[in-house]
Amino acid sequence: MSTAQVIEEIERLPQDEQQAVFVFLARKVASAPPATAKPWLGRKLSFEEACDVVFRENHALFSLLAK
């Protein structure tokens, strides 16, 4: 079942059951381990460091643009 199909099924549920799904998902998200922070977050980067971050983290995008 695709994500779109799951969403459609949830939308067909009565309001109280939709709320139960929301509560379940909220608990699931809240209990998930925190994502690892990027080492550059919160730091003031030089232009060169910022370029390195942008190109490193968006390599696939820049590869497509280069074609």
PDB file of N, CA and C in Angstrom:
ATOM      1  N   MET A   1       0.846  -1.173   0.000  1.00  0.00           N
ATOM      2  CA  MET A   1       0.000   0.000   0.000  1.00  0.00           C
ATOM      3  C   MET A   1       0.896   1.242   0.000  1.00  0.00           C
ATOM      4  N   SER A   2       0.566   2.198  -0.840  1.00  0.00           N
ATOM      5  CA  SER A   2       1.373   3.416  -0.930  1.00  0.00           C
ATOM      6  C   SER A   2       1.005   4.397   0.184  1.00  0.00           C
ATOM      7  N   THR A   3       1.862   5.375   0.351  1.00  0.00           N
ATOM      8  CA  THR A   3       1.609   6.414   1.352  1.00  0.00           C
ATOM      9  C   THR A   3       0.308   7.142   1.038  1.00  0.00           C
ATOM     10  N   ALA A   4       0.084   7.445  -0.232  1.00  0.00           N
ATOM     11  CA  ALA A   4      -1.140   8.138  -0.629  1.00  0.00           C
ATOM     12  C   ALA A   4      -2.373   7.310  -0.273  1.00  0.00           C
ATOM     13  N   GLN A   5      -2.294   5.992  -0.477  1.00  0.00           N
ATOM     14  CA  GLN A   5      -3.421   5.122  -0.138  1.00  0.00           C
ATOM     15  C   GLN A   5      -3.669   5.102   1.370  1.00  0.00           C
ATOM     16  N   VAL A   6      -2.602   5.080   2.145  1.00  0.00           N
ATOM     17  CA  VAL A   6      -2.745   5.092   3.601  1.00  0.00           C
ATOM     18  C   VAL A   6      -3.411   6.393   4.041  1.00  0.00           C
ATOM     19  N   ILE A   7      -2.978   7.508   3.476  1.00  0.00           N
ATOM     20  CA  ILE A   7      -3.558   8.805   3.828  1.00  0.00           C
ATOM     21  C   ILE A   7      -5.035   8.834   3.463  1.00  0.00           C
ATOM     22  N   GLU A   8      -5.382   8.315   2.289  1.00  0.00           N
ATOM     23  CA  GLU A   8      -6.787   8.260   1.884  1.00  0.00           C
ATOM     24  C   GLU A   8      -7.608   7.432   2.872  1.00  0.00           C
ATOM     25  N   GLU A   9      -7.054   6.306   3.307  1.00  0.00           N
ATOM     26  CA  GLU A   9      -7.754   5.459   4.275  1.00  0.00           C
ATOM     27  C   GLU A   9      -7.950   6.197   5.599  1.00  0.00           C
ATOM     28  N   ILE A  10      -6.932   6.897   6.043  1.00  0.00           N
ATOM     29  CA  ILE A  10      -7.038   7.659   7.296  1.00  0.00           C
ATOM     30  C   ILE A  10      -8.109   8.732   7.171  1.00  0.00           C
ATOM     31  N   GLU A  11      -8.157   9.398   6.017  1.00  0.00           N
ATOM     32  CA  GLU A  11      -9.160  10.450   5.811  1.00  0.00           C
ATOM     33  C   GLU A  11     -10.579   9.910   5.801  1.00  0.00           C
ATOM     34  N   ARG A  12     -10.752   8.636   5.486  1.00  0.00           N
ATOM     35  CA  ARG A  12     -12.083   8.020   5.485  1.00  0.00           C
ATOM     36  C   ARG A  12     -12.543   7.625   6.882  1.00  0.00           C
ATOM     37  N   LEU A  13     -11.617   7.595   7.835  1.00  0.00           N
ATOM     38  CA  LEU A  13     -11.962   7.194   9.194  1.00  0.00           C
ATOM     39  C   LEU A  13     -12.816   8.258   9.873  1.00  0.00           C
ATOM     40  N   PRO A  14     -13.620   7.836  10.858  1.00  0.00           N
ATOM     41  CA  PRO A  14     -14.341   8.821  11.670  1.00  0.00           C
ATOM     42  C   PRO A  14     -13.341   9.705  12.415  1.00  0.00           C
ATOM     43  N   GLN A  15     -13.781  10.877  12.820  1.00  0.00           N
ATOM     44  CA  GLN A  15     -12.909  11.864  13.452  1.00  0.00           C
ATOM     45  C   GLN A  15     -12.168  11.307  14.661  1.00  0.00           C
ATOM     46  N   ASP A  16     -12.856  10.548  15.516  1.00  0.00           N
ATOM     47  CA  ASP A  16     -12.196  10.028  16.721  1.00  0.00           C
ATOM     48  C   ASP A  16     -11.108   9.022  16.374  1.00  0.00           C
ATOM     49  N   GLU A  17     -11.302   8.238  15.322  1.00  0.00           N
ATOM     50  CA  GLU A  17     -10.277   7.286  14.910  1.00  0.00           C
ATOM     51  C   GLU A  17      -9.101   8.006  14.241  1.00  0.00           C
ATOM     52  N   GLN A  18      -9.388   9.084  13.509  1.00  0.00           N
ATOM     53  CA  GLN A  18      -8.302   9.893  12.940  1.00  0.00           C
ATOM     54  C   GLN A  18      -7.452  10.479  14.061  1.00  0.00           C
ATOM     55  N   GLN A  19      -8.115  10.907  15.116  1.00  0.00           N
ATOM     56  CA  GLN A  19      -7.386  11.463  16.260  1.00  0.00           C
ATOM     57  C   GLN A  19      -6.508  10.399  16.899  1.00  0.00           C
ATOM     58  N   ALA A  20      -6.999   9.166  16.986  1.00  0.00           N
ATOM     59  CA  ALA A  20      -6.203   8.080  17.558  1.00  0.00           C
ATOM     60  C   ALA A  20      -4.964   7.824  16.700  1.00  0.00           C
ATOM     61  N   VAL A  21      -5.115   7.896  15.384  1.00  0.00           N
ATOM     62  CA  VAL A  21      -3.970   7.726  14.482  1.00  0.00           C
ATOM     63  C   VAL A  21      -2.971   8.857  14.710  1.00  0.00           C
ATOM     64  N   PHE A  22      -3.475  10.094  14.831  1.00  0.00           N
ATOM     65  CA  PHE A  22      -2.604  11.240  15.060  1.00  0.00           C
ATOM     66  C   PHE A  22      -1.823  11.087  16.362  1.00  0.00           C
ATOM     67  N   VAL A  23      -2.511  10.668  17.421  1.00  0.00           N
ATOM     68  CA  VAL A  23      -1.854  10.484  18.721  1.00  0.00           C
ATOM     69  C   VAL A  23      -0.775   9.414  18.601  1.00  0.00           C
ATOM     70  N   PHE A  24      -1.080   8.320  17.917  1.00  0.00           N
ATOM     71  CA  PHE A  24      -0.102   7.246  17.726  1.00  0.00           C
ATOM     72  C   PHE A  24       1.137   7.782  17.006  1.00  0.00           C
ATOM     73  N   LEU A  25       0.913   8.518  15.905  1.00  0.00           N
ATOM     74  CA  LEU A  25       2.045   9.047  15.129  1.00  0.00           C
ATOM     75  C   LEU A  25       2.836  10.072  15.928  1.00  0.00           C
ATOM     76  N   ALA A  26       2.144  10.924  16.690  1.00  0.00           N
ATOM     77  CA  ALA A  26       2.838  11.918  17.507  1.00  0.00           C
ATOM     78  C   ALA A  26       3.719  11.238  18.545  1.00  0.00           C
ATOM     79  N   ARG A  27       3.213  10.179  19.173  1.00  0.00           N
ATOM     80  CA  ARG A  27       4.024   9.441  20.158  1.00  0.00           C
ATOM     81  C   ARG A  27       5.216   8.775  19.478  1.00  0.00           C
ATOM     82  N   LYS A  28       4.992   8.255  18.298  1.00  0.00           N
ATOM     83  CA  LYS A  28       6.060   7.588  17.551  1.00  0.00           C
ATOM     84  C   LYS A  28       7.173   8.592  17.231  1.00  0.00           C
ATOM     85  N   VAL A  29       6.792   9.771  16.782  1.00  0.00           N
ATOM     86  CA  VAL A  29       7.776  10.802  16.445  1.00  0.00           C
ATOM     87  C   VAL A  29       8.487  11.282  17.702  1.00  0.00           C
ATOM     88  N   ALA A  30       7.731  11.486  18.777  1.00  0.00           N
ATOM     89  CA  ALA A  30       8.318  11.998  20.020  1.00  0.00           C
ATOM     90  C   ALA A  30       9.290  11.006  20.634  1.00  0.00           C
ATOM     91  N   SER A  31       9.068   9.718  20.425  1.00  0.00           N
ATOM     92  CA  SER A  31       9.942   8.715  21.035  1.00  0.00           C
ATOM     93  C   SER A  31      11.103   8.309  20.128  1.00  0.00           C
ATOM     94  N   ALA A  32      11.120   8.837  18.910  1.00  0.00           N
ATOM     95  CA  ALA A  32      12.205   8.501  17.987  1.00  0.00           C
ATOM     96  C   ALA A  32      13.504   9.118  18.481  1.00  0.00           C
ATOM     97  N   PRO A  33      14.614   8.441  18.258  1.00  0.00           N
ATOM     98  CA  PRO A  33      15.895   9.025  18.672  1.00  0.00           C
ATOM     99  C   PRO A  33      16.135  10.318  17.901  1.00  0.00           C
ATOM    100  N   PRO A  34      16.721  11.300  18.546  1.00  0.00           N
ATOM    101  CA  PRO A  34      16.964  12.574  17.861  1.00  0.00           C
ATOM    102  C   PRO A  34      17.929  12.391  16.692  1.00  0.00           C
ATOM    103  N   ALA A  35      17.654  13.128  15.642  1.00  0.00           N
ATOM    104  CA  ALA A  35      18.546  13.081  14.480  1.00  0.00           C
ATOM    105  C   ALA A  35      19.881  13.700  14.876  1.00  0.00           C
ATOM    106  N   THR A  36      20.922  13.158  14.320  1.00  0.00           N
ATOM    107  CA  THR A  36      22.233  13.707  14.647  1.00  0.00           C
ATOM    108  C   THR A  36      22.357  15.090  14.026  1.00  0.00           C
ATOM    109  N   ALA A  37      22.829  16.024  14.797  1.00  0.00           N
ATOM    110  CA  ALA A  37      22.977  17.400  14.340  1.00  0.00           C
ATOM    111  C   ALA A  37      24.147  17.495  13.367  1.00  0.00           C
ATOM    112  N   LYS A  38      23.988  18.360  12.435  1.00  0.00           N
ATOM    113  CA  LYS A  38      25.070  18.617  11.498  1.00  0.00           C
ATOM    114  C   LYS A  38      26.180  19.334  12.259  1.00  0.00           C
ATOM    115  N   PRO A  39      27.436  18.957  12.063  1.00  0.00           N
ATOM    116  CA  PRO A  39      28.521  19.573  12.826  1.00  0.00           C
ATOM    117  C   PRO A  39      28.681  21.069  12.567  1.00  0.00           C
ATOM    118  N   TRP A  40      28.152  21.554  11.458  1.00  0.00           N
ATOM    119  CA  TRP A  40      28.305  22.959  11.129  1.00  0.00           C
ATOM    120  C   TRP A  40      27.159  23.816  11.656  1.00  0.00           C
ATOM    121  N   LEU A  41      26.082  23.180  12.166  1.00  0.00           N
ATOM    122  CA  LEU A  41      24.941  23.953  12.664  1.00  0.00           C
ATOM    123  C   LEU A  41      25.350  24.836  13.836  1.00  0.00           C
ATOM    124  N   GLY A  42      24.927  26.071  13.800  1.00  0.00           N
ATOM    125  CA  GLY A  42      25.220  26.985  14.888  1.00  0.00           C
ATOM    126  C   GLY A  42      26.593  27.618  14.830  1.00  0.00           C
ATOM    127  N   ARG A  43      27.355  27.278  13.822  1.00  0.00           N
ATOM    128  CA  ARG A  43      28.701  27.855  13.674  1.00  0.00           C
ATOM    129  C   ARG A  43      28.677  28.917  12.593  1.00  0.00           C
ATOM    130  N   LYS A  44      29.508  29.910  12.758  1.00  0.00           N
ATOM    131  CA  LYS A  44      29.689  30.898  11.706  1.00  0.00           C
ATOM    132  C   LYS A  44      30.755  30.350  10.772  1.00  0.00           C
ATOM    133  N   LEU A  45      30.387  30.141   9.534  1.00  0.00           N
ATOM    134  CA  LEU A  45      31.303  29.549   8.569  1.00  0.00           C
ATOM    135  C   LEU A  45      31.890  30.616   7.653  1.00  0.00           C
ATOM    136  N   SER A  46      33.105  30.362   7.236  1.00  0.00           N
ATOM    137  CA  SER A  46      33.690  31.225   6.213  1.00  0.00           C
ATOM    138  C   SER A  46      32.994  30.896   4.891  1.00  0.00           C
ATOM    139  N   PHE A  47      33.207  31.739   3.896  1.00  0.00           N
ATOM    140  CA  PHE A  47      32.607  31.495   2.588  1.00  0.00           C
ATOM    141  C   PHE A  47      33.026  30.131   2.045  1.00  0.00           C
ATOM    142  N   GLU A  48      34.292  29.807   2.164  1.00  0.00           N
ATOM    143  CA  GLU A  48      34.807  28.535   1.650  1.00  0.00           C
ATOM    144  C   GLU A  48      34.182  27.353   2.387  1.00  0.00           C
ATOM    145  N   GLU A  49      34.067  27.469   3.716  1.00  0.00           N
ATOM    146  CA  GLU A  49      33.453  26.383   4.496  1.00  0.00           C
ATOM    147  C   GLU A  49      31.976  26.217   4.118  1.00  0.00           C
ATOM    148  N   ALA A  50      31.285  27.341   3.935  1.00  0.00           N
ATOM    149  CA  ALA A  50      29.876  27.282   3.549  1.00  0.00           C
ATOM    150  C   ALA A  50      29.727  26.637   2.180  1.00  0.00           C
ATOM    151  N   CYS A  51      30.605  26.976   1.257  1.00  0.00           N
ATOM    152  CA  CYS A  51      30.564  26.348  -0.074  1.00  0.00           C
ATOM    153  C   CYS A  51      30.784  24.846   0.020  1.00  0.00           C
ATOM    154  N   ASP A  52      31.737  24.436   0.843  1.00  0.00           N
ATOM    155  CA  ASP A  52      31.984  23.004   1.033  1.00  0.00           C
ATOM    156  C   ASP A  52      30.734  22.305   1.538  1.00  0.00           C
ATOM    157  N   VAL A  53      30.061  22.898   2.521  1.00  0.00           N
ATOM    158  CA  VAL A  53      28.846  22.297   3.083  1.00  0.00           C
ATOM    159  C   VAL A  53      27.762  22.205   2.017  1.00  0.00           C
ATOM    160  N   VAL A  54      27.530  23.303   1.304  1.00  0.00           N
ATOM    161  CA  VAL A  54      26.477  23.333   0.292  1.00  0.00           C
ATOM    162  C   VAL A  54      26.732  22.290  -0.790  1.00  0.00           C
ATOM    163  N   PHE A  55      27.953  22.243  -1.300  1.00  0.00           N
ATOM    164  CA  PHE A  55      28.247  21.297  -2.380  1.00  0.00           C
ATOM    165  C   PHE A  55      28.272  19.854  -1.878  1.00  0.00           C
ATOM    166  N   ARG A  56      28.743  19.618  -0.666  1.00  0.00           N
ATOM    167  CA  ARG A  56      28.797  18.267  -0.121  1.00  0.00           C
ATOM    168  C   ARG A  56      27.385  17.732   0.139  1.00  0.00           C
ATOM    169  N   GLU A  57      26.516  18.555   0.725  1.00  0.00           N
ATOM    170  CA  GLU A  57      25.192  18.091   1.106  1.00  0.00           C
ATOM    171  C   GLU A  57      24.201  18.085  -0.055  1.00  0.00           C
ATOM    172  N   ASN A  58      24.552  18.707  -1.140  1.00  0.00           N
ATOM    173  CA  ASN A  58      23.654  18.758  -2.298  1.00  0.00           C
ATOM    174  C   ASN A  58      24.338  18.197  -3.543  1.00  0.00           C
ATOM    175  N   HIS A  59      25.217  17.240  -3.323  1.00  0.00           N
ATOM    176  CA  HIS A  59      26.005  16.673  -4.423  1.00  0.00           C
ATOM    177  C   HIS A  59      25.106  16.135  -5.543  1.00  0.00           C
ATOM    178  N   ALA A  60      24.056  15.397  -5.183  1.00  0.00           N
ATOM    179  CA  ALA A  60      23.182  14.805  -6.201  1.00  0.00           C
ATOM    180  C   ALA A  60      22.509  15.894  -7.034  1.00  0.00           C
ATOM    181  N   LEU A  61      22.057  16.951  -6.383  1.00  0.00           N
ATOM    182  CA  LEU A  61      21.413  18.050  -7.101  1.00  0.00           C
ATOM    183  C   LEU A  61      22.388  18.705  -8.067  1.00  0.00           C
ATOM    184  N   PHE A  62      23.576  19.007  -7.589  1.00  0.00           N
ATOM    185  CA  PHE A  62      24.559  19.658  -8.460  1.00  0.00           C
ATOM    186  C   PHE A  62      24.994  18.748  -9.587  1.00  0.00           C
ATOM    187  N   SER A  63      25.035  17.451  -9.359  1.00  0.00           N
ATOM    188  CA  SER A  63      25.362  16.512 -10.440  1.00  0.00           C
ATOM    189  C   SER A  63      24.298  16.549 -11.529  1.00  0.00           C
ATOM    190  N   LEU A  64      23.030  16.595 -11.103  1.00  0.00           N
ATOM    191  CA  LEU A  64      21.950  16.682 -12.088  1.00  0.00           C
ATOM    192  C   LEU A  64      21.994  18.010 -12.851  1.00  0.00           C
ATOM    193  N   LEU A  65      22.266  19.096 -12.140  1.00  0.00           N
ATOM    194  CA  LEU A  65      22.343  20.394 -12.797  1.00  0.00           C
ATOM    195  C   LEU A  65      23.492  20.473 -13.783  1.00  0.00           C
ATOM    196  N   ALA A  66      24.548  19.732 -13.508  1.00  0.00           N
ATOM    197  CA  ALA A  66      25.717  19.768 -14.387  1.00  0.00           C
ATOM    198  C   ALA A  66      25.469  19.043 -15.718  1.00  0.00           C
ATOM    199  N   LYS A  67      24.453  18.195 -15.749  1.00  0.00           N
ATOM    200  CA  LYS A  67      24.208  17.416 -16.981  1.00  0.00           C
ATOM    201  C   LYS A  67      23.565  18.221 -18.068  1.00  0.00           C
TER     202      LYS A  67
END
